[in-house]
Structures are given as C-alpha cells and as structure tokens.
C-alpha cells in the first residue's frame, strides 16, 4: 500500500514551507501518527549531524524534533552548501561527494534523483505518513528540467501538493494565481489547495479575496495562518537580522561574513534576555562590546579576506587590547590561527592564507569531513556541553595543548593562556544551559540565567502546532493524506 504523502510548496522562498511542515509534523505526532519529514533537495548553509553520521539541512532536523524523531540523512538526501556565487558542495544522503558548479550539478541530477527516490522509499517503509517540503518555488521554469525539489518529486511520488504564500510580502493573490499559471497542466492539477501565511488584521476583510481565488482557480483555501510574532524556528538559511535595538547587560557581536554557516549557533544568545546581541554586516563598524564571535564559514579563506577588507581585523585587535573576549567557532576557529592551507582547492583556488595569528595553530583543509554528535565539558568551570562537529579542516599546533573543550576523551580547540580567546570546532556551544552560563560568565556577565534551549524550541513548535490546529482545515488535510479524518489513527 502506498504510504500517505503530502507535499508543501511555496510561491517564494521563505513563504512558510518549513513552518507549515513543522507544525503539521507536531499535530500528526500528537495524534499518534508515525510521521516523518522529507525534503528532496535543500540549498542551505545551516546543517545538522544525523543519527547515522550524515549531514542534512537544519530545518529537517527541527521537523524531526517535531515528529519526536532523531534526524536521519534520508530526511534530506540532497543538500547543496554554496561556497561561491555559482558553485556548491554537494551532500548526497548525508555524505559530501565534491564541489559542482550549476552546470555540472544539472548534469548530475539523474544520479541525485535516484538517491532522492531511494531515501523516500526507505522512509515510506518505516513511517505511516511522509510530509514533504519543497524548495524555492515550483514556478522557476528555468529549473523545471529534471526537477528534484518541487513538482518533479511530487509527480514521481504521485502526491498532492499544498501551495503556501506569505501575505506579509504583499500581492498574495497574484503570487498564488501566477504560480499556478506557470505550472504544467498536470502539475496544476496536483495542487489540492492553498494556505496563506503571516496574516494580520480582520479576516473578514480578506474573505472576498479568498472567495475570488477559489472561483478563479477551483481550489480551496485550507487555512490562513496568523502572523506569529516572536515565533522562533531555527532558520534553514536566511539570517535573522536585528529586528530591534538589542537589550541586556552583555554586548555580543557576530560579524556577518559572506559564507556564514550554522548561524543557528547564535539563536540561544539572540533569545537570551541578558544578552544584547547584534549581527554586524557589510559596511558597518564593529562597535564596542564584551564578546566578539567569529562564526563558521563555508569558504574560510575568502571570508577571512573579506573580513580584512572590511577593516574588521583591526577592530578585533583593538577589542582584545581593551580586554574584550573573542570566540572562534569552526571556520572562525581556523581564522584565529597562523595559517589556513587548502592544497586541494576544496573551498576555492588551491593555496594558503595567513590567519589572524591569535592562536598558535595552523589548519589544513582535507577531503574527508568530520561529522559527529558529541558530549563533553568546557575547560571553563567543567561545564557539561553537547553539540556537533561539521568540518573538513585538521588543526595542529601548540595552542591545542590547552583545549577549550574536552570531548569524550579528547581535547578540542584552544583556550589562550590569558583566557581571553577561545576557539573550538564545536557547534551548538550555547545550547547547553551549563555551558552557556559558563561562557557568559567568562565574557563578563555576573549572574547569567540561561533558559533550557531545548525547552524553548519545544515551546515554539507547540505554539506553531496550536496555530495549525486552530487555523487549518485538518479534516481536509487528513482527506488528502487518505487517513482517518479525525487524524487519530496510525494508518501504517
């Protein structure tokens, strides 16, 4: 029997695909349905390490959490991690297979398609319902040939599609009707209904537009989700810029480099009530602060050159002279050393670049990527920490004699002798309450009161699920899936 499958596609990027899939995953899980998320192809620099030692997009890891599952590489079989404006590292079923430009990847899609369908079939064999997230928009007709991400997959899996649009962008009816107009006839027929996202105002004023939409297209609107102010779901890729003037006694700055990766590392700090967190971007000076964090990077040497061109190297040195603290995470840790070598050209042209020279280490980029979920303790206060490693660099040098973290019997990173600079490969550094408190004390916060970040994530997933319960026609969703209309039975 075919496993019930429903796909969510969007009229644009960031229309709400991840949000809707996450909310529906939790709604179904609450009702005892054995549900799993799936994204055939993802382009993102925020990733997670899976239970089988692979790498997938961060959004699918969040959706797995909403299902009560450990993330698995089959949930996102193709992950593209951009390292230039026209090229990306290709991750296939959790494993890096190399770098490709857009033309090369287009030719490779036949192989990628088989991996996508193999992963999908494996999930179908294990779970009762599969909720699929598209990528970008199905109306990108230049990408239709050998499409894996949207209608190409929906047709291969023979599943219905919900089309979601963001009303907060404006022109929501045009987005929906225009997207349908650009689809092939069989693809348009596959769209079973619409969901409108981020609505604020009087629903009654929207009704005439919704009635017109149904008359025009013959397709129902299955829900209008409200604008959920302050909702936090870890971003697939888009950076959450400073929405308001930050508050809190501890000032933390993250310079935004072009290929910043895993910036979800900083979500616990962005949400921390005692932290005045700011991203600093192109053309902005680095302000006076207590802590600067250099983030991960998918192209460390070019990002370091860009950082220098911004004048930020001198700002970092000045920050240290005045007693400020500095953390380098993953690629940021590599930048802190004496040199970065890329003899194989894994992140660009082969060669070497001088580092910031702040820690006595050098890094060589190697083909094999380190992928681990780990637990250990910080050198600071022996605080317990959990996280994950995703890096292709091997770092050596004297500074490693004073590790920043002790992970399962081995040292990681470095803590400078004056305890002013900390570098580590460990992502998720601030997600453990004890570790976050220790790091904030080290940075100068007298009495940190860090919330349990896992509980914070759960709270926001539950809030999203509640919105889906209230504002979506779940009976219609169940009908599309071919499962019990009360969504109360596992049909596996």
Protein backbone atom coordinates (compact mmCIF):
# COMPACT_ATOMS: atom_id res chain seq x y z
CA UNK A 1 0.00 0.00 0.00
CA UNK A 2 1.29 3.45 -0.91
CA UNK A 3 2.46 5.49 2.09
CA UNK A 4 0.31 8.63 2.51
CA UNK A 5 2.39 11.61 1.40
CA UNK A 6 1.64 15.34 1.26
CA UNK A 7 3.98 17.97 -0.17
CA UNK A 8 4.12 21.65 0.79
CA UNK A 9 5.42 24.00 -1.88
CA UNK A 10 5.72 27.78 -1.72
CA UNK A 11 5.16 30.65 -4.10
CA UNK A 12 8.52 32.11 -3.00
CA UNK A 13 11.44 31.31 -0.75
CA UNK A 14 10.55 31.89 2.92
CA UNK A 15 6.83 31.67 2.18
CA UNK A 16 6.33 29.34 5.14
CA UNK A 17 7.04 25.84 3.79
CA UNK A 18 9.30 24.84 6.70
CA UNK A 19 6.89 26.37 9.18
CA UNK A 20 3.84 24.53 7.83
CA UNK A 21 5.61 21.16 7.60
CA UNK A 22 6.95 21.56 11.15
CA UNK A 23 3.54 22.44 12.55
CA UNK A 24 1.80 19.57 10.76
CA UNK A 25 4.51 17.15 11.89
CA UNK A 26 3.76 18.01 15.52
CA UNK A 27 -0.03 17.92 15.01
CA UNK A 28 0.18 14.43 13.50
CA UNK A 29 2.67 13.21 16.10
CA UNK A 30 0.33 14.35 18.88
CA UNK A 31 -2.36 12.13 17.37
CA UNK A 32 -0.19 9.05 17.33
CA UNK A 33 0.57 9.13 13.60
CA UNK A 34 4.03 7.82 12.75
CA UNK A 35 5.09 10.78 10.63
CA UNK A 36 8.47 11.72 9.15
CA UNK A 37 9.66 14.87 7.33
CA UNK A 38 11.32 14.81 3.94
CA UNK A 39 12.98 17.47 1.77
CA UNK A 40 14.29 16.05 -1.52
CA UNK A 41 16.74 18.85 -2.22
CA UNK A 42 17.86 21.68 0.01
CA UNK A 43 20.24 24.59 -0.52
CA UNK A 44 21.40 25.84 2.86
CA UNK A 45 24.46 26.59 4.95
CA UNK A 46 22.76 25.69 8.22
CA UNK A 47 23.05 21.95 8.74
CA UNK A 48 22.81 19.26 11.39
CA UNK A 49 24.54 15.94 12.07
CA UNK A 50 22.23 12.94 11.87
CA UNK A 51 21.93 9.82 13.98
CA UNK A 52 23.55 7.83 11.14
CA UNK A 53 26.54 10.20 10.99
CA UNK A 54 25.41 12.22 7.97
CA UNK A 55 24.58 15.85 7.32
CA UNK A 56 21.19 17.38 6.47
CA UNK A 57 19.57 20.81 6.41
CA UNK A 58 18.80 22.33 9.79
CA UNK A 59 15.09 22.71 9.01
CA UNK A 60 14.68 18.96 8.61
CA UNK A 61 16.37 18.38 11.97
CA UNK A 62 13.78 20.71 13.55
CA UNK A 63 10.98 18.89 11.74
CA UNK A 64 12.35 15.58 13.03
CA UNK A 65 12.18 17.01 16.54
CA UNK A 66 8.56 17.98 15.88
CA UNK A 67 7.91 14.32 14.99
CA UNK A 68 9.73 13.07 18.08
CA UNK A 69 12.46 11.52 15.91
CA UNK A 70 16.22 11.68 15.69
CA UNK A 71 17.21 13.30 12.37
CA UNK A 72 18.35 10.87 9.66
CA UNK A 73 20.17 11.53 6.39
CA UNK A 74 17.24 10.09 4.41
CA UNK A 75 15.13 13.07 5.53
CA UNK A 76 17.14 15.38 3.24
CA UNK A 77 19.01 13.26 0.68
CA UNK A 78 20.41 16.19 -1.36
CA UNK A 79 21.95 19.16 0.45
CA UNK A 80 23.72 21.88 -1.53
CA UNK A 81 26.07 24.10 0.50
CA UNK A 82 27.09 27.16 -1.56
CA UNK A 83 30.78 28.04 -1.38
CA UNK A 84 30.87 30.51 -4.30
CA UNK A 85 28.25 32.53 -6.17
CA UNK A 86 27.99 29.78 -8.79
CA UNK A 87 29.10 26.60 -7.03
CA UNK A 88 28.32 24.44 -4.04
CA UNK A 89 29.43 21.40 -2.12
CA UNK A 90 27.04 18.54 -2.87
CA UNK A 91 25.96 16.35 0.06
CA UNK A 92 24.30 13.13 -1.10
CA UNK A 93 22.47 11.04 1.50
CA UNK A 94 24.50 12.71 4.24
CA UNK A 95 27.95 12.47 2.62
CA UNK A 96 29.94 15.13 0.77
CA UNK A 97 30.75 13.96 -2.75
CA UNK A 98 32.51 17.11 -4.02
CA UNK A 99 32.02 20.62 -5.37
CA UNK A 100 29.99 21.35 -8.50
CA UNK A 101 29.05 24.46 -10.40
CA UNK A 102 25.46 24.91 -11.52
CA UNK A 103 26.03 23.31 -14.92
CA UNK A 104 27.79 20.27 -13.51
CA UNK A 105 25.06 19.73 -10.93
CA UNK A 106 22.36 19.96 -13.61
CA UNK A 107 24.10 17.09 -15.41
CA UNK A 108 24.39 15.18 -12.12
CA UNK A 109 20.67 15.39 -11.33
CA UNK A 110 19.93 11.99 -12.83
CA UNK A 111 22.10 10.35 -10.15
CA UNK A 112 20.76 12.66 -7.44
CA UNK A 113 17.19 11.77 -8.43
CA UNK A 114 17.83 8.09 -7.76
CA UNK A 115 19.23 8.93 -4.32
CA UNK A 116 16.15 11.07 -3.57
CA UNK A 117 13.73 8.30 -4.53
CA UNK A 118 15.73 5.65 -2.67
CA UNK A 119 15.65 7.72 0.54
CA UNK A 120 11.95 8.43 0.10
CA UNK A 121 11.18 4.73 -0.32
CA UNK A 122 13.16 3.88 2.81
CA UNK A 123 11.16 6.42 4.84
CA UNK A 124 7.91 5.07 3.38
CA UNK A 125 8.85 1.60 4.62
CA UNK A 126 9.29 2.88 8.17
CA UNK A 127 6.60 5.53 8.72
CA UNK A 128 2.87 5.93 8.29
CA UNK A 129 2.87 9.44 6.77
CA UNK A 130 5.53 11.47 4.93
CA UNK A 131 5.34 15.28 4.93
CA UNK A 132 7.47 16.74 2.16
CA UNK A 133 8.88 20.26 1.92
CA UNK A 134 9.62 21.80 -1.45
CA UNK A 135 12.39 24.33 -2.15
CA UNK A 136 12.09 27.84 -3.52
CA UNK A 137 9.14 27.93 -5.90
CA UNK A 138 7.74 25.43 -8.43
CA UNK A 139 7.27 28.36 -10.83
CA UNK A 140 11.01 28.60 -11.53
CA UNK A 141 10.54 27.24 -15.05
CA UNK A 142 14.26 27.56 -15.83
CA UNK A 143 14.85 24.81 -13.25
CA UNK A 144 12.00 22.53 -14.32
CA UNK A 145 14.12 20.11 -16.35
CA UNK A 146 14.99 17.12 -14.14
CA UNK A 147 13.45 18.92 -11.16
CA UNK A 148 14.04 17.19 -7.82
CA UNK A 149 12.85 19.87 -5.45
CA UNK A 150 9.22 20.57 -6.28
CA UNK A 151 6.82 19.23 -8.90
CA UNK A 152 9.39 16.82 -10.28
CA UNK A 153 9.34 15.00 -6.98
CA UNK A 154 5.57 15.38 -6.48
CA UNK A 155 4.93 13.73 -9.84
CA UNK A 156 7.43 10.93 -9.15
CA UNK A 157 5.83 10.25 -5.76
CA UNK A 158 2.30 10.88 -7.08
CA UNK A 159 1.36 13.02 -4.08
CA UNK A 160 -0.93 16.03 -3.62
CA UNK A 161 0.55 19.49 -3.04
CA UNK A 162 -0.42 22.37 -0.77
CA UNK A 163 0.76 25.77 -2.03
CA UNK A 164 1.62 28.32 0.66
CA UNK A 165 2.11 32.07 0.18
CA UNK A 166 3.22 34.87 2.51
CA UNK A 167 0.63 37.65 2.64
CA UNK A 168 3.01 39.88 4.60
CA UNK A 169 5.06 40.36 1.40
CA UNK A 170 2.03 41.81 -0.39
CA UNK A 171 0.41 40.58 -3.58
CA UNK A 172 -0.55 37.21 -2.15
CA UNK A 173 -3.34 36.52 -4.66
CA UNK A 174 -1.01 37.36 -7.55
CA UNK A 175 1.63 35.03 -6.08
CA UNK A 176 -0.81 32.13 -5.94
CA UNK A 177 -2.53 32.66 -9.29
CA UNK A 178 0.75 33.48 -11.03
CA UNK A 179 2.42 30.35 -9.68
CA UNK A 180 -0.43 28.18 -10.95
CA UNK A 181 -0.25 29.88 -14.35
CA UNK A 182 3.39 28.88 -14.75
CA UNK A 183 2.83 25.21 -13.95
CA UNK A 184 2.26 22.46 -16.46
CA UNK A 185 -1.32 21.22 -16.66
CA UNK A 186 -0.57 18.00 -14.74
CA UNK A 187 1.32 19.99 -12.08
CA UNK A 188 -1.50 22.48 -11.64
CA UNK A 189 -3.94 19.60 -11.18
CA UNK A 190 -1.73 18.26 -8.39
CA UNK A 191 -2.22 21.43 -6.28
CA UNK A 192 -5.02 20.48 -3.88
CA UNK A 193 -5.37 23.76 -2.04
CA UNK A 194 -3.79 26.93 -0.70
CA UNK A 195 -2.53 28.11 2.67
CA UNK A 196 -1.93 31.79 3.37
CA UNK A 197 0.75 32.60 5.92
CA UNK A 198 1.53 35.57 8.21
CA UNK A 199 -1.89 37.23 8.09
CA UNK A 200 -2.63 40.07 10.47
CA UNK A 201 -5.83 42.03 10.60
CA UNK A 202 -9.54 41.35 10.24
CA UNK A 203 -10.14 38.01 8.47
CA UNK A 204 -13.50 39.31 7.24
CA UNK A 205 -11.70 41.84 5.05
CA UNK A 206 -9.75 39.02 3.41
CA UNK A 207 -12.75 36.81 2.66
CA UNK A 208 -13.77 38.45 -0.65
CA UNK A 209 -10.27 37.84 -1.96
CA UNK A 210 -10.33 34.21 -0.82
CA UNK A 211 -13.73 33.67 -2.47
CA UNK A 212 -12.40 35.16 -5.71
CA UNK A 213 -9.31 32.94 -5.51
CA UNK A 214 -11.42 29.79 -5.18
CA UNK A 215 -13.71 30.82 -8.04
CA UNK A 216 -10.74 31.71 -10.25
CA UNK A 217 -8.72 28.56 -9.61
CA UNK A 218 -11.27 26.00 -8.47
CA UNK A 219 -9.07 25.23 -5.49
CA UNK A 220 -9.91 25.76 -1.80
CA UNK A 221 -8.07 27.84 0.75
CA UNK A 222 -7.37 25.33 3.53
CA UNK A 223 -6.12 27.82 6.07
CA UNK A 224 -4.99 31.33 6.89
CA UNK A 225 -2.19 31.23 9.45
CA UNK A 226 -1.73 34.34 11.58
CA UNK A 227 1.46 36.33 11.89
CA UNK A 228 3.01 34.65 14.95
CA UNK A 229 5.02 37.46 16.49
CA UNK A 230 8.24 36.29 18.08
CA UNK A 231 7.95 32.74 16.74
CA UNK A 232 11.36 31.07 16.75
CA UNK A 233 12.17 28.21 14.42
CA UNK A 234 15.80 27.59 13.54
CA UNK A 235 16.37 29.11 10.12
CA UNK A 236 17.08 26.99 7.09
CA UNK A 237 19.47 29.60 5.77
CA UNK A 238 18.20 33.18 5.96
CA UNK A 239 19.89 35.28 8.59
CA UNK A 240 17.64 36.79 11.26
CA UNK A 241 18.89 40.37 11.29
CA UNK A 242 18.49 42.69 14.25
CA UNK A 243 14.78 43.46 14.36
CA UNK A 244 15.05 45.97 17.20
CA UNK A 245 17.63 47.65 19.36
CA UNK A 246 19.11 44.84 21.49
CA UNK A 247 18.89 44.98 25.25
CA UNK A 248 20.75 43.27 28.06
CA UNK A 249 23.93 43.99 30.01
CA UNK A 250 26.29 41.74 27.98
CA UNK A 251 27.08 43.02 24.50
CA UNK A 252 27.78 40.28 21.92
CA UNK A 253 28.72 40.89 18.29
CA UNK A 254 28.87 38.43 15.36
CA UNK A 255 30.43 39.73 12.13
CA UNK A 256 28.42 38.51 9.14
CA UNK A 257 30.78 37.05 6.54
CA UNK A 258 29.53 36.15 3.03
CA UNK A 259 29.52 32.36 3.52
CA UNK A 260 28.47 32.30 7.17
CA UNK A 261 27.34 28.80 8.11
CA UNK A 262 25.40 27.33 11.03
CA UNK A 263 24.45 30.75 12.36
CA UNK A 264 21.81 28.87 14.36
CA UNK A 265 24.70 28.56 16.85
CA UNK A 266 23.75 32.05 18.00
CA UNK A 267 20.00 31.58 18.46
CA UNK A 268 20.34 30.92 22.20
CA UNK A 269 22.16 34.26 22.51
CA UNK A 270 19.68 36.15 20.30
CA UNK A 271 16.87 34.92 22.56
CA UNK A 272 18.74 35.44 25.83
CA UNK A 273 17.14 38.20 27.95
CA UNK A 274 20.52 39.26 29.40
CA UNK A 275 22.38 39.49 26.09
CA UNK A 276 22.43 42.49 23.75
CA UNK A 277 23.13 40.50 20.58
CA UNK A 278 23.92 42.09 17.22
CA UNK A 279 24.98 40.93 13.78
CA UNK A 280 27.34 43.38 12.10
CA UNK A 281 27.21 43.39 8.32
CA UNK A 282 28.70 44.92 5.22
CA UNK A 283 29.90 48.48 5.69
CA UNK A 284 29.21 48.57 9.43
CA UNK A 285 31.95 49.19 12.01
CA UNK A 286 32.31 46.73 14.87
CA UNK A 287 31.03 48.60 17.93
CA UNK A 288 32.36 48.43 21.45
CA UNK A 289 31.26 45.17 23.04
CA UNK A 290 32.13 42.48 25.58
CA UNK A 291 32.35 39.48 23.25
CA UNK A 292 33.02 39.03 19.53
CA UNK A 293 32.24 35.64 17.98
CA UNK A 294 33.69 34.68 14.60
CA UNK A 295 31.16 32.27 13.04
CA UNK A 296 31.52 29.18 10.89
CA UNK A 297 32.23 29.61 7.20
CA UNK A 298 31.80 27.50 4.07
CA UNK A 299 34.71 29.35 2.44
CA UNK A 300 37.13 30.25 5.20
CA UNK A 301 39.99 31.80 3.24
CA UNK A 302 37.80 34.05 1.09
CA UNK A 303 35.65 35.02 4.07
CA UNK A 304 38.77 35.92 6.06
CA UNK A 305 40.00 38.10 3.16
CA UNK A 306 36.58 39.76 3.07
CA UNK A 307 36.68 40.33 6.83
CA UNK A 308 40.05 42.04 6.46
CA UNK A 309 38.76 44.20 3.61
CA UNK A 310 36.03 45.45 5.95
CA UNK A 311 38.65 46.66 8.43
CA UNK A 312 37.37 44.20 10.99
CA UNK A 313 40.77 42.63 11.73
CA UNK A 314 41.97 45.88 13.28
CA UNK A 315 38.69 46.23 15.15
CA UNK A 316 39.14 42.72 16.61
CA UNK A 317 42.70 43.50 17.71
CA UNK A 318 41.55 46.74 19.31
CA UNK A 319 38.75 44.83 21.08
CA UNK A 320 41.35 42.46 22.56
CA UNK A 321 43.63 45.30 23.65
CA UNK A 322 40.78 46.73 25.68
CA UNK A 323 40.15 43.40 27.41
CA UNK A 324 37.25 42.06 25.34
CA UNK A 325 36.72 38.32 24.84
CA UNK A 326 36.85 36.53 21.49
CA UNK A 327 35.42 33.17 20.38
CA UNK A 328 36.04 31.44 17.06
CA UNK A 329 33.59 28.67 16.08
CA UNK A 330 34.62 26.10 13.47
CA UNK A 331 35.73 28.23 10.49
CA UNK A 332 36.06 31.14 12.92
CA UNK A 333 38.44 28.99 15.00
CA UNK A 334 40.51 28.30 11.88
CA UNK A 335 40.73 32.05 11.23
CA UNK A 336 42.26 32.61 14.68
CA UNK A 337 45.36 30.57 13.80
CA UNK A 338 48.61 31.30 11.99
CA UNK A 339 47.60 29.99 8.57
CA UNK A 340 44.91 28.15 6.62
CA UNK A 341 46.04 25.78 3.86
CA UNK A 342 43.75 24.45 1.12
CA UNK A 343 46.08 22.39 -1.10
CA UNK A 344 43.21 20.53 -2.80
CA UNK A 345 41.15 23.61 -3.58
CA UNK A 346 38.20 22.32 -1.55
CA UNK A 347 36.81 25.81 -0.92
CA UNK A 348 38.15 27.68 -3.93
CA UNK A 349 41.51 28.07 -5.62
CA UNK A 350 44.26 25.91 -4.05
CA UNK A 351 46.61 27.87 -1.82
CA UNK A 352 47.26 29.24 1.66
CA UNK A 353 46.21 32.32 3.58
CA UNK A 354 47.64 33.90 6.72
CA UNK A 355 45.31 33.68 9.71
CA UNK A 356 44.74 36.33 12.34
CA UNK A 357 47.71 34.94 14.28
CA UNK A 358 45.93 34.95 17.63
CA UNK A 359 46.36 31.24 18.42
CA UNK A 360 49.43 29.08 17.75
CA UNK A 361 47.72 26.67 15.35
CA UNK A 362 47.57 26.05 11.60
CA UNK A 363 44.78 24.36 9.66
CA UNK A 364 44.88 22.21 6.55
CA UNK A 365 41.61 21.52 4.74
CA UNK A 366 41.17 17.86 3.88
CA UNK A 367 38.70 16.00 1.71
CA UNK A 368 37.12 13.90 4.46
CA UNK A 369 34.64 15.81 6.58
CA UNK A 370 34.32 15.25 10.33
CA UNK A 371 30.67 14.65 11.30
CA UNK A 372 29.93 13.86 14.94
CA UNK A 373 27.36 14.45 17.65
CA UNK A 374 29.39 14.84 20.83
CA UNK A 375 29.19 15.41 24.57
CA UNK A 376 31.89 16.75 26.86
CA UNK A 377 32.88 19.51 29.25
CA UNK A 378 34.23 23.01 28.78
CA UNK A 379 37.62 23.96 30.14
CA UNK A 380 35.65 26.79 31.76
CA UNK A 381 34.08 25.54 35.01
CA UNK A 382 34.00 21.92 33.68
CA UNK A 383 30.52 22.79 32.42
CA UNK A 384 28.73 19.99 30.58
CA UNK A 385 28.26 20.70 26.87
CA UNK A 386 26.66 18.84 23.96
CA UNK A 387 26.90 19.71 20.29
CA UNK A 388 28.12 18.55 16.92
CA UNK A 389 31.12 18.83 14.61
CA UNK A 390 30.91 19.56 10.87
CA UNK A 391 34.30 20.47 9.40
CA UNK A 392 36.84 19.43 6.82
CA UNK A 393 39.87 21.01 8.49
CA UNK A 394 42.60 19.36 10.53
CA UNK A 395 44.15 21.80 13.00
CA UNK A 396 47.57 21.35 14.62
CA UNK A 397 49.73 23.45 16.90
CA UNK A 398 50.96 24.31 20.38
CA UNK A 399 47.75 26.06 21.40
CA UNK A 400 45.92 22.73 21.32
CA UNK A 401 47.80 21.78 24.49
CA UNK A 402 45.26 23.96 26.31
CA UNK A 403 41.93 22.68 24.92
CA UNK A 404 38.77 24.73 25.12
CA UNK A 405 36.59 21.61 25.35
CA UNK A 406 37.13 18.00 26.39
CA UNK A 407 35.04 15.72 24.21
CA UNK A 408 34.78 12.02 25.03
CA UNK A 409 38.42 11.56 25.95
CA UNK A 410 40.00 14.05 23.56
CA UNK A 411 40.66 17.76 23.56
CA UNK A 412 39.11 20.15 21.09
CA UNK A 413 40.09 23.69 20.22
CA UNK A 414 42.14 26.02 22.36
CA UNK A 415 41.83 28.47 25.23
CA UNK A 416 44.57 31.10 25.22
CA UNK A 417 46.92 31.32 28.21
CA UNK A 418 45.43 34.65 29.24
CA UNK A 419 41.92 33.13 28.90
CA UNK A 420 40.86 35.90 26.54
CA UNK A 421 40.46 33.89 23.33
CA UNK A 422 38.59 30.62 22.84
CA UNK A 423 38.45 28.56 19.66
CA UNK A 424 36.55 25.33 19.05
CA UNK A 425 35.06 23.15 16.33
CA UNK A 426 32.00 22.50 18.48
CA UNK A 427 28.71 23.77 17.07
CA UNK A 428 25.79 24.16 19.48
CA UNK A 429 28.14 25.61 22.08
CA UNK A 430 25.45 27.80 23.67
CA UNK A 431 22.58 25.28 23.61
CA UNK A 432 23.61 23.54 26.85
CA UNK A 433 22.46 25.60 29.82
CA UNK A 434 25.54 24.99 31.99
CA UNK A 435 27.96 25.68 29.15
CA UNK A 436 26.14 28.85 28.11
CA UNK A 437 26.19 30.13 31.70
CA UNK A 438 29.92 29.41 31.98
CA UNK A 439 30.70 31.17 28.71
CA UNK A 440 28.61 34.21 29.59
CA UNK A 441 30.32 34.47 33.00
CA UNK A 442 33.70 34.22 31.24
CA UNK A 443 32.59 37.04 28.91
CA UNK A 444 31.66 39.28 31.85
CA UNK A 445 28.03 38.61 32.81
CA UNK A 446 27.90 38.40 36.59
CA UNK A 447 24.79 36.26 37.07
CA UNK A 448 23.68 34.56 33.84
CA UNK A 449 20.24 32.99 33.88
CA UNK A 450 20.06 30.86 30.78
CA UNK A 451 16.86 29.10 29.82
CA UNK A 452 16.78 25.47 28.69
CA UNK A 453 17.13 25.94 24.92
CA UNK A 454 15.58 22.57 24.08
CA UNK A 455 12.52 23.59 26.10
CA UNK A 456 12.45 26.94 24.24
CA UNK A 457 12.43 25.12 20.90
CA UNK A 458 9.67 22.81 22.12
CA UNK A 459 7.59 25.77 23.26
CA UNK A 460 7.75 27.39 19.82
CA UNK A 461 6.99 24.12 17.99
CA UNK A 462 3.96 23.68 20.24
CA UNK A 463 2.87 27.25 19.53
CA UNK A 464 3.10 26.56 15.82
CA UNK A 465 1.16 23.32 16.17
CA UNK A 466 -1.56 25.16 18.10
CA UNK A 467 -1.87 27.65 15.23
CA UNK A 468 -2.22 24.78 12.75
CA UNK A 469 -4.91 23.21 14.95
CA UNK A 470 -6.83 26.49 15.09
CA UNK A 471 -6.47 27.92 11.60
CA UNK A 472 -6.07 24.95 9.22
CA UNK A 473 -8.77 22.64 7.89
CA UNK A 474 -7.22 19.48 9.31
CA UNK A 475 -10.10 17.35 8.09
CA UNK A 476 -9.21 18.36 4.54
CA UNK A 477 -5.53 17.65 5.23
CA UNK A 478 -6.45 14.18 6.52
CA UNK A 479 -8.56 13.58 3.42
CA UNK A 480 -5.60 14.49 1.19
CA UNK A 481 -3.47 12.02 3.08
CA UNK A 482 -6.13 9.36 2.95
CA UNK A 483 -6.02 8.80 6.70
CA UNK A 484 -8.66 8.92 9.41
CA UNK A 485 -10.48 12.25 9.19
CA UNK A 486 -10.01 12.82 12.90
CA UNK A 487 -6.25 12.39 12.45
CA UNK A 488 -6.45 9.97 15.33
CA UNK A 489 -5.28 6.67 13.86
CA UNK A 490 -1.91 5.48 12.64
CA UNK A 491 -2.61 4.02 9.21
CA UNK A 492 0.85 2.49 8.75
